[in-house]
All heavy atoms as atom14 arrays in JSON, in Angstrom:
{
  "sequence": "KDLMTVYLGGATDPEIIQYEDEAIASVLERELGEILGIQNIE",
  "atom14_mask": [
    [1, 1, 1, 1, 1, 1, 1, 1, 1, 0, 0, 0, 0, 0],
    [1, 1, 1, 1, 1, 1, 1, 1, 0, 0, 0, 0, 0, 0],
    [1, 1, 1, 1, 1, 1, 1, 1, 0, 0, 0, 0, 0, 0],
    [1, 1, 1, 1, 1, 1, 1, 1, 0, 0, 0, 0, 0, 0],
    [1, 1, 1, 1, 1, 1, 1, 0, 0, 0, 0, 0, 0, 0],
    [1, 1, 1, 1, 1, 1, 1, 0, 0, 0, 0, 0, 0, 0],
    [1, 1, 1, 1, 1, 1, 1, 1, 1, 1, 1, 1, 0, 0],
    [1, 1, 1, 1, 1, 1, 1, 1, 0, 0, 0, 0, 0, 0],
    [1, 1, 1, 1, 0, 0, 0, 0, 0, 0, 0, 0, 0, 0],
    [1, 1, 1, 1, 0, 0, 0, 0, 0, 0, 0, 0, 0, 0],
    [1, 1, 1, 1, 1, 0, 0, 0, 0, 0, 0, 0, 0, 0],
    [1, 1, 1, 1, 1, 1, 1, 0, 0, 0, 0, 0, 0, 0],
    [1, 1, 1, 1, 1, 1, 1, 1, 0, 0, 0, 0, 0, 0],
    [1, 1, 1, 1, 1, 1, 1, 0, 0, 0, 0, 0, 0, 0],
    [1, 1, 1, 1, 1, 1, 1, 1, 1, 0, 0, 0, 0, 0],
    [1, 1, 1, 1, 1, 1, 1, 1, 0, 0, 0, 0, 0, 0],
    [1, 1, 1, 1, 1, 1, 1, 1, 0, 0, 0, 0, 0, 0],
    [1, 1, 1, 1, 1, 1, 1, 1, 1, 0, 0, 0, 0, 0],
    [1, 1, 1, 1, 1, 1, 1, 1, 1, 1, 1, 1, 0, 0],
    [1, 1, 1, 1, 1, 1, 1, 1, 1, 0, 0, 0, 0, 0],
    [1, 1, 1, 1, 1, 1, 1, 1, 0, 0, 0, 0, 0, 0],
    [1, 1, 1, 1, 1, 1, 1, 1, 1, 0, 0, 0, 0, 0],
    [1, 1, 1, 1, 1, 0, 0, 0, 0, 0, 0, 0, 0, 0],
    [1, 1, 1, 1, 1, 1, 1, 1, 0, 0, 0, 0, 0, 0],
    [1, 1, 1, 1, 1, 0, 0, 0, 0, 0, 0, 0, 0, 0],
    [1, 1, 1, 1, 1, 1, 0, 0, 0, 0, 0, 0, 0, 0],
    [1, 1, 1, 1, 1, 1, 1, 0, 0, 0, 0, 0, 0, 0],
    [1, 1, 1, 1, 1, 1, 1, 1, 0, 0, 0, 0, 0, 0],
    [1, 1, 1, 1, 1, 1, 1, 1, 1, 0, 0, 0, 0, 0],
    [1, 1, 1, 1, 1, 1, 1, 1, 1, 1, 1, 0, 0, 0],
    [1, 1, 1, 1, 1, 1, 1, 1, 1, 0, 0, 0, 0, 0],
    [1, 1, 1, 1, 1, 1, 1, 1, 0, 0, 0, 0, 0, 0],
    [1, 1, 1, 1, 0, 0, 0, 0, 0, 0, 0, 0, 0, 0],
    [1, 1, 1, 1, 1, 1, 1, 1, 1, 0, 0, 0, 0, 0],
    [1, 1, 1, 1, 1, 1, 1, 1, 0, 0, 0, 0, 0, 0],
    [1, 1, 1, 1, 1, 1, 1, 1, 0, 0, 0, 0, 0, 0],
    [1, 1, 1, 1, 0, 0, 0, 0, 0, 0, 0, 0, 0, 0],
    [1, 1, 1, 1, 1, 1, 1, 1, 0, 0, 0, 0, 0, 0],
    [1, 1, 1, 1, 1, 1, 1, 1, 1, 0, 0, 0, 0, 0],
    [1, 1, 1, 1, 1, 1, 1, 1, 0, 0, 0, 0, 0, 0],
    [1, 1, 1, 1, 1, 1, 1, 1, 0, 0, 0, 0, 0, 0],
    [1, 1, 1, 1, 1, 1, 1, 1, 1, 0, 0, 0, 0, 0]
  ],
  "atom14_positions": [
    [[83.36, 79.68, 102.56], [84.59, 80.36, 102.62], [85.78, 79.49, 102.1], [85.6, 78.24, 102.21], [84.92, 80.86, 103.99], [84.05, 82.01, 104.54], [84.33, 83.27, 103.86], [83.54, 84.54, 104.4], [83.94, 85.78, 103.83], [0.0, 0.0, 0.0], [0.0, 0.0, 0.0], [0.0, 0.0, 0.0], [0.0, 0.0, 0.0], [0.0, 0.0, 0.0]],
    [[86.84, 80.09, 101.66], [88.03, 79.36, 101.26], [89.17, 79.94, 101.97], [89.22, 81.1, 102.38], [88.35, 79.48, 99.76], [87.62, 78.33, 98.95], [87.41, 77.16, 99.42], [87.24, 78.61, 97.81], [0.0, 0.0, 0.0], [0.0, 0.0, 0.0], [0.0, 0.0, 0.0], [0.0, 0.0, 0.0], [0.0, 0.0, 0.0], [0.0, 0.0, 0.0]],
    [[90.17, 79.06, 102.33], [91.3, 79.45, 103.03], [92.63, 79.25, 102.29], [92.8, 78.25, 101.67], [91.46, 78.58, 104.32], [92.64, 78.89, 105.28], [92.46, 80.24, 105.94], [92.91, 77.82, 106.37], [0.0, 0.0, 0.0], [0.0, 0.0, 0.0], [0.0, 0.0, 0.0], [0.0, 0.0, 0.0], [0.0, 0.0, 0.0], [0.0, 0.0, 0.0]],
    [[93.37, 80.34, 102.21], [94.72, 80.29, 101.51], [95.79, 80.35, 102.57], [95.58, 81.08, 103.59], [94.86, 81.48, 100.55], [94.01, 81.46, 99.37], [94.45, 82.84, 98.23], [93.84, 84.23, 99.11], [0.0, 0.0, 0.0], [0.0, 0.0, 0.0], [0.0, 0.0, 0.0], [0.0, 0.0, 0.0], [0.0, 0.0, 0.0], [0.0, 0.0, 0.0]],
    [[96.89, 79.77, 102.39], [98.11, 80.02, 103.14], [99.15, 80.68, 102.29], [99.54, 80.09, 101.27], [98.63, 78.59, 103.72], [97.54, 78.0, 104.35], [99.69, 78.89, 104.77], [0.0, 0.0, 0.0], [0.0, 0.0, 0.0], [0.0, 0.0, 0.0], [0.0, 0.0, 0.0], [0.0, 0.0, 0.0], [0.0, 0.0, 0.0], [0.0, 0.0, 0.0]],
    [[99.62, 81.88, 102.64], [100.48, 82.65, 101.91], [101.84, 82.7, 102.59], [101.9, 82.83, 103.84], [99.97, 84.15, 101.76], [100.84, 84.77, 100.81], [98.51, 84.11, 101.14], [0.0, 0.0, 0.0], [0.0, 0.0, 0.0], [0.0, 0.0, 0.0], [0.0, 0.0, 0.0], [0.0, 0.0, 0.0], [0.0, 0.0, 0.0], [0.0, 0.0, 0.0]],
    [[102.93, 82.5, 101.74], [104.27, 82.56, 102.32], [105.1, 83.74, 101.8], [104.99, 84.09, 100.66], [105.03, 81.33, 101.91], [104.45, 80.05, 102.63], [103.4, 79.33, 101.95], [104.93, 79.54, 103.71], [102.82, 78.2, 102.46], [104.41, 78.48, 104.35], [103.35, 77.76, 103.77], [102.71, 76.69, 104.35], [0.0, 0.0, 0.0], [0.0, 0.0, 0.0]],
    [[105.78, 84.39, 102.89], [106.46, 85.61, 102.46], [107.82, 85.42, 103.21], [108.07, 84.58, 104.06], [105.91, 86.89, 102.96], [104.42, 87.16, 102.48], [103.57, 87.52, 103.66], [104.45, 88.24, 101.44], [0.0, 0.0, 0.0], [0.0, 0.0, 0.0], [0.0, 0.0, 0.0], [0.0, 0.0, 0.0], [0.0, 0.0, 0.0], [0.0, 0.0, 0.0]],
    [[108.87, 86.23, 102.72], [110.2, 86.3, 103.42], [111.15, 85.37, 102.8], [111.47, 85.55, 101.52], [0.0, 0.0, 0.0], [0.0, 0.0, 0.0], [0.0, 0.0, 0.0], [0.0, 0.0, 0.0], [0.0, 0.0, 0.0], [0.0, 0.0, 0.0], [0.0, 0.0, 0.0], [0.0, 0.0, 0.0], [0.0, 0.0, 0.0], [0.0, 0.0, 0.0]],
    [[111.78, 84.51, 103.4], [112.79, 83.62, 102.97], [114.07, 84.26, 102.81], [114.28, 85.52, 103.19], [0.0, 0.0, 0.0], [0.0, 0.0, 0.0], [0.0, 0.0, 0.0], [0.0, 0.0, 0.0], [0.0, 0.0, 0.0], [0.0, 0.0, 0.0], [0.0, 0.0, 0.0], [0.0, 0.0, 0.0], [0.0, 0.0, 0.0], [0.0, 0.0, 0.0]],
    [[115.06, 83.59, 102.24], [116.37, 84.13, 102.14], [116.53, 85.29, 101.18], [117.46, 86.1, 101.21], [117.32, 82.99, 101.58], [0.0, 0.0, 0.0], [0.0, 0.0, 0.0], [0.0, 0.0, 0.0], [0.0, 0.0, 0.0], [0.0, 0.0, 0.0], [0.0, 0.0, 0.0], [0.0, 0.0, 0.0], [0.0, 0.0, 0.0], [0.0, 0.0, 0.0]],
    [[115.44, 85.44, 100.23], [115.49, 86.53, 99.26], [114.71, 87.76, 99.77], [114.92, 88.79, 99.15], [114.85, 86.03, 97.96], [113.53, 85.62, 98.22], [115.76, 85.01, 97.26], [0.0, 0.0, 0.0], [0.0, 0.0, 0.0], [0.0, 0.0, 0.0], [0.0, 0.0, 0.0], [0.0, 0.0, 0.0], [0.0, 0.0, 0.0], [0.0, 0.0, 0.0]],
    [[114.09, 87.67, 100.84], [113.45, 88.87, 101.35], [113.22, 88.74, 102.93], [112.12, 88.73, 103.47], [111.92, 88.86, 100.71], [111.24, 90.23, 101.07], [111.84, 91.17, 101.54], [109.9, 90.25, 100.79], [0.0, 0.0, 0.0], [0.0, 0.0, 0.0], [0.0, 0.0, 0.0], [0.0, 0.0, 0.0], [0.0, 0.0, 0.0], [0.0, 0.0, 0.0]],
    [[114.36, 88.68, 103.68], [114.32, 88.37, 105.1], [113.74, 89.6, 105.88], [113.25, 89.46, 106.94], [115.7, 88.19, 105.41], [116.48, 88.91, 104.43], [115.76, 88.76, 103.14], [0.0, 0.0, 0.0], [0.0, 0.0, 0.0], [0.0, 0.0, 0.0], [0.0, 0.0, 0.0], [0.0, 0.0, 0.0], [0.0, 0.0, 0.0], [0.0, 0.0, 0.0]],
    [[113.71, 90.86, 105.29], [113.24, 91.97, 105.98], [111.88, 92.02, 106.42], [111.4, 92.55, 107.4], [113.57, 93.32, 105.15], [115.04, 93.55, 104.88], [115.56, 92.74, 103.58], [114.72, 92.09, 102.99], [116.74, 92.73, 103.45], [0.0, 0.0, 0.0], [0.0, 0.0, 0.0], [0.0, 0.0, 0.0], [0.0, 0.0, 0.0], [0.0, 0.0, 0.0]],
    [[111.07, 91.25, 105.63], [109.52, 91.33, 105.83], [109.17, 90.73, 107.18], [108.07, 90.98, 107.66], [108.82, 90.65, 104.6], [107.38, 91.32, 104.55], [108.76, 89.17, 104.74], [106.69, 91.06, 103.26], [0.0, 0.0, 0.0], [0.0, 0.0, 0.0], [0.0, 0.0, 0.0], [0.0, 0.0, 0.0], [0.0, 0.0, 0.0], [0.0, 0.0, 0.0]],
    [[110.01, 89.93, 107.78], [109.73, 89.24, 109.1], [109.57, 90.39, 110.19], [108.97, 90.21, 111.15], [110.87, 88.38, 109.48], [110.47, 87.44, 110.66], [112.14, 89.11, 109.9], [109.6, 86.27, 110.25], [0.0, 0.0, 0.0], [0.0, 0.0, 0.0], [0.0, 0.0, 0.0], [0.0, 0.0, 0.0], [0.0, 0.0, 0.0], [0.0, 0.0, 0.0]],
    [[110.13, 91.55, 109.92], [110.05, 92.69, 110.86], [108.78, 93.59, 110.64], [108.55, 94.41, 111.54], [111.39, 93.62, 110.79], [112.62, 92.86, 110.82], [112.89, 92.23, 112.26], [112.27, 92.65, 113.19], [113.7, 91.25, 112.33], [0.0, 0.0, 0.0], [0.0, 0.0, 0.0], [0.0, 0.0, 0.0], [0.0, 0.0, 0.0], [0.0, 0.0, 0.0]],
    [[108.1, 93.35, 109.6], [106.96, 94.19, 109.29], [105.82, 93.91, 110.39], [105.67, 92.78, 110.81], [106.35, 93.82, 108.0], [107.07, 94.49, 106.8], [108.44, 94.74, 106.88], [106.46, 94.79, 105.67], [109.17, 95.32, 105.72], [107.11, 95.36, 104.52], [108.45, 95.66, 104.62], [109.09, 96.14, 103.55], [0.0, 0.0, 0.0], [0.0, 0.0, 0.0]],
    [[105.16, 95.04, 110.63], [103.9, 94.9, 111.51], [102.76, 94.29, 110.74], [102.86, 94.15, 109.53], [103.43, 96.32, 111.92], [104.5, 97.13, 112.76], [104.7, 96.53, 114.12], [103.81, 95.78, 114.61], [105.75, 96.75, 114.75], [0.0, 0.0, 0.0], [0.0, 0.0, 0.0], [0.0, 0.0, 0.0], [0.0, 0.0, 0.0], [0.0, 0.0, 0.0]],
    [[101.76, 93.84, 111.48], [100.75, 93.03, 110.76], [100.02, 93.93, 109.78], [99.67, 93.37, 108.66], [99.59, 92.63, 111.84], [100.11, 91.5, 112.77], [101.21, 91.09, 112.59], [99.3, 91.21, 113.63], [0.0, 0.0, 0.0], [0.0, 0.0, 0.0], [0.0, 0.0, 0.0], [0.0, 0.0, 0.0], [0.0, 0.0, 0.0], [0.0, 0.0, 0.0]],
    [[99.81, 95.24, 110.03], [99.15, 96.02, 109.07], [99.88, 96.11, 107.76], [99.23, 96.22, 106.68], [98.96, 97.44, 109.69], [98.02, 97.47, 110.86], [98.61, 96.99, 112.17], [99.93, 96.89, 112.21], [97.91, 96.73, 113.12], [0.0, 0.0, 0.0], [0.0, 0.0, 0.0], [0.0, 0.0, 0.0], [0.0, 0.0, 0.0], [0.0, 0.0, 0.0]],
    [[101.25, 96.26, 107.83], [102.07, 96.32, 106.69], [101.99, 95.02, 105.83], [102.0, 95.1, 104.57], [103.5, 96.62, 107.0], [0.0, 0.0, 0.0], [0.0, 0.0, 0.0], [0.0, 0.0, 0.0], [0.0, 0.0, 0.0], [0.0, 0.0, 0.0], [0.0, 0.0, 0.0], [0.0, 0.0, 0.0], [0.0, 0.0, 0.0], [0.0, 0.0, 0.0]],
    [[102.0, 93.89, 106.53], [101.92, 92.59, 105.82], [100.61, 92.5, 105.17], [100.46, 92.08, 104.09], [102.08, 91.44, 106.88], [103.64, 91.36, 107.34], [101.73, 90.11, 106.12], [103.89, 90.4, 108.34], [0.0, 0.0, 0.0], [0.0, 0.0, 0.0], [0.0, 0.0, 0.0], [0.0, 0.0, 0.0], [0.0, 0.0, 0.0], [0.0, 0.0, 0.0]],
    [[99.44, 92.91, 105.89], [98.2, 92.95, 105.26], [98.06, 93.71, 104.07], [97.46, 93.38, 103.1], [97.13, 93.33, 106.31], [0.0, 0.0, 0.0], [0.0, 0.0, 0.0], [0.0, 0.0, 0.0], [0.0, 0.0, 0.0], [0.0, 0.0, 0.0], [0.0, 0.0, 0.0], [0.0, 0.0, 0.0], [0.0, 0.0, 0.0], [0.0, 0.0, 0.0]],
    [[98.77, 94.88, 104.05], [98.7, 95.82, 102.95], [99.44, 95.14, 101.6], [99.0, 95.34, 100.52], [99.5, 97.17, 103.27], [99.44, 98.01, 102.26], [0.0, 0.0, 0.0], [0.0, 0.0, 0.0], [0.0, 0.0, 0.0], [0.0, 0.0, 0.0], [0.0, 0.0, 0.0], [0.0, 0.0, 0.0], [0.0, 0.0, 0.0], [0.0, 0.0, 0.0]],
    [[100.52, 94.51, 101.91], [101.25, 93.79, 100.82], [100.32, 92.7, 100.21], [100.26, 92.66, 98.96], [102.53, 93.09, 101.42], [103.09, 92.19, 100.37], [103.54, 94.18, 101.82], [0.0, 0.0, 0.0], [0.0, 0.0, 0.0], [0.0, 0.0, 0.0], [0.0, 0.0, 0.0], [0.0, 0.0, 0.0], [0.0, 0.0, 0.0], [0.0, 0.0, 0.0]],
    [[99.61, 91.94, 101.09], [98.85, 90.93, 100.51], [97.6, 91.39, 99.85], [97.18, 90.85, 98.79], [98.36, 89.98, 101.66], [99.56, 89.19, 102.43], [98.93, 88.15, 103.39], [100.3, 88.59, 101.41], [0.0, 0.0, 0.0], [0.0, 0.0, 0.0], [0.0, 0.0, 0.0], [0.0, 0.0, 0.0], [0.0, 0.0, 0.0], [0.0, 0.0, 0.0]],
    [[96.97, 92.45, 100.32], [95.76, 93.02, 99.72], [96.11, 93.47, 98.23], [95.44, 93.29, 97.21], [95.24, 94.21, 100.53], [94.53, 93.87, 101.75], [94.28, 94.97, 102.7], [94.61, 96.24, 102.28], [93.58, 94.75, 103.71], [0.0, 0.0, 0.0], [0.0, 0.0, 0.0], [0.0, 0.0, 0.0], [0.0, 0.0, 0.0], [0.0, 0.0, 0.0]],
    [[97.26, 94.11, 98.12], [97.81, 94.68, 96.79], [98.11, 93.47, 95.94], [97.66, 93.33, 94.76], [98.96, 95.6, 97.05], [99.52, 96.09, 95.69], [100.67, 97.02, 95.85], [101.82, 96.39, 96.35], [102.31, 96.45, 97.67], [101.6, 97.17, 98.56], [103.34, 95.82, 97.95], [0.0, 0.0, 0.0], [0.0, 0.0, 0.0], [0.0, 0.0, 0.0]],
    [[98.99, 92.58, 96.37], [99.45, 91.5, 95.49], [98.38, 90.41, 95.24], [98.42, 89.94, 93.99], [100.72, 90.9, 96.06], [101.88, 91.87, 96.16], [103.16, 91.24, 96.38], [103.31, 89.98, 96.53], [104.2, 92.01, 96.44], [0.0, 0.0, 0.0], [0.0, 0.0, 0.0], [0.0, 0.0, 0.0], [0.0, 0.0, 0.0], [0.0, 0.0, 0.0]],
    [[97.58, 90.05, 96.14], [96.58, 89.07, 95.86], [95.55, 89.71, 94.95], [94.92, 88.95, 94.09], [95.93, 88.53, 97.14], [96.79, 87.62, 98.01], [96.11, 87.32, 99.28], [97.19, 86.42, 97.23], [0.0, 0.0, 0.0], [0.0, 0.0, 0.0], [0.0, 0.0, 0.0], [0.0, 0.0, 0.0], [0.0, 0.0, 0.0], [0.0, 0.0, 0.0]],
    [[95.26, 90.9, 95.0], [94.33, 91.76, 94.13], [94.92, 91.61, 92.73], [94.23, 91.31, 91.79], [0.0, 0.0, 0.0], [0.0, 0.0, 0.0], [0.0, 0.0, 0.0], [0.0, 0.0, 0.0], [0.0, 0.0, 0.0], [0.0, 0.0, 0.0], [0.0, 0.0, 0.0], [0.0, 0.0, 0.0], [0.0, 0.0, 0.0], [0.0, 0.0, 0.0]],
    [[96.34, 91.8, 92.53], [96.89, 91.89, 91.3], [97.04, 90.5, 90.65], [96.68, 90.26, 89.44], [98.24, 92.46, 91.36], [98.31, 93.9, 91.73], [99.64, 94.42, 92.08], [100.61, 93.59, 92.19], [99.79, 95.66, 92.14], [0.0, 0.0, 0.0], [0.0, 0.0, 0.0], [0.0, 0.0, 0.0], [0.0, 0.0, 0.0], [0.0, 0.0, 0.0]],
    [[97.1, 89.44, 91.43], [97.32, 88.06, 90.96], [96.11, 87.26, 90.8], [95.84, 86.73, 89.71], [98.28, 87.34, 91.94], [99.62, 87.9, 91.92], [98.4, 85.89, 91.44], [100.57, 87.27, 93.06], [0.0, 0.0, 0.0], [0.0, 0.0, 0.0], [0.0, 0.0, 0.0], [0.0, 0.0, 0.0], [0.0, 0.0, 0.0], [0.0, 0.0, 0.0]],
    [[95.14, 87.51, 91.7], [93.88, 86.66, 91.69], [92.66, 87.54, 91.37], [91.64, 86.94, 91.14], [93.7, 86.03, 93.1], [94.74, 84.93, 93.44], [94.51, 84.42, 94.75], [94.62, 83.68, 92.55], [0.0, 0.0, 0.0], [0.0, 0.0, 0.0], [0.0, 0.0, 0.0], [0.0, 0.0, 0.0], [0.0, 0.0, 0.0], [0.0, 0.0, 0.0]],
    [[92.82, 88.81, 91.37], [91.66, 89.72, 91.14], [90.78, 89.77, 92.22], [89.49, 90.08, 92.2], [0.0, 0.0, 0.0], [0.0, 0.0, 0.0], [0.0, 0.0, 0.0], [0.0, 0.0, 0.0], [0.0, 0.0, 0.0], [0.0, 0.0, 0.0], [0.0, 0.0, 0.0], [0.0, 0.0, 0.0], [0.0, 0.0, 0.0], [0.0, 0.0, 0.0]],
    [[91.13, 89.43, 93.47], [90.36, 89.44, 94.62], [90.48, 90.79, 95.32], [91.52, 91.3, 95.7], [90.84, 88.31, 95.66], [90.61, 86.92, 94.99], [90.02, 88.42, 96.92], [91.21, 85.74, 95.83], [0.0, 0.0, 0.0], [0.0, 0.0, 0.0], [0.0, 0.0, 0.0], [0.0, 0.0, 0.0], [0.0, 0.0, 0.0], [0.0, 0.0, 0.0]],
    [[89.25, 91.34, 95.68], [89.27, 92.73, 96.34], [89.14, 92.61, 97.83], [89.65, 93.43, 98.61], [88.11, 93.54, 95.79], [88.21, 93.75, 94.3], [89.49, 94.39, 93.89], [90.02, 95.28, 94.52], [90.13, 93.8, 92.71], [0.0, 0.0, 0.0], [0.0, 0.0, 0.0], [0.0, 0.0, 0.0], [0.0, 0.0, 0.0], [0.0, 0.0, 0.0]],
    [[88.35, 91.6, 98.31], [88.07, 91.51, 99.81], [88.76, 90.36, 100.32], [88.47, 89.17, 100.02], [86.58, 91.51, 100.03], [85.92, 92.72, 99.61], [86.29, 93.89, 99.87], [84.89, 92.6, 98.74], [0.0, 0.0, 0.0], [0.0, 0.0, 0.0], [0.0, 0.0, 0.0], [0.0, 0.0, 0.0], [0.0, 0.0, 0.0], [0.0, 0.0, 0.0]],
    [[89.72, 90.44, 101.17], [90.38, 89.36, 101.86], [90.33, 89.55, 103.43], [90.13, 90.71, 103.83], [91.86, 89.18, 101.46], [92.65, 90.45, 101.96], [92.02, 88.99, 100.02], [94.22, 90.17, 101.83], [0.0, 0.0, 0.0], [0.0, 0.0, 0.0], [0.0, 0.0, 0.0], [0.0, 0.0, 0.0], [0.0, 0.0, 0.0], [0.0, 0.0, 0.0]],
    [[90.34, 88.52, 104.1], [90.32, 88.51, 105.67], [91.58, 87.86, 106.19], [91.85, 86.68, 105.85], [89.15, 87.83, 106.19], [89.05, 87.72, 107.65], [87.98, 86.8, 108.24], [87.18, 86.39, 107.45], [88.1, 86.5, 109.4], [0.0, 0.0, 0.0], [0.0, 0.0, 0.0], [0.0, 0.0, 0.0], [0.0, 0.0, 0.0], [0.0, 0.0, 0.0]]
  ]
}
């Protein structure tokens, strides 16, 4: 297995701190799929 650490939010997107875990996971599944071509993430 490999481990990635992903950063979201910051001063340009502060609203995402309020997202539920499921919504954050959905963002990552979509964007990591688009950027890295990965379909299965944990």
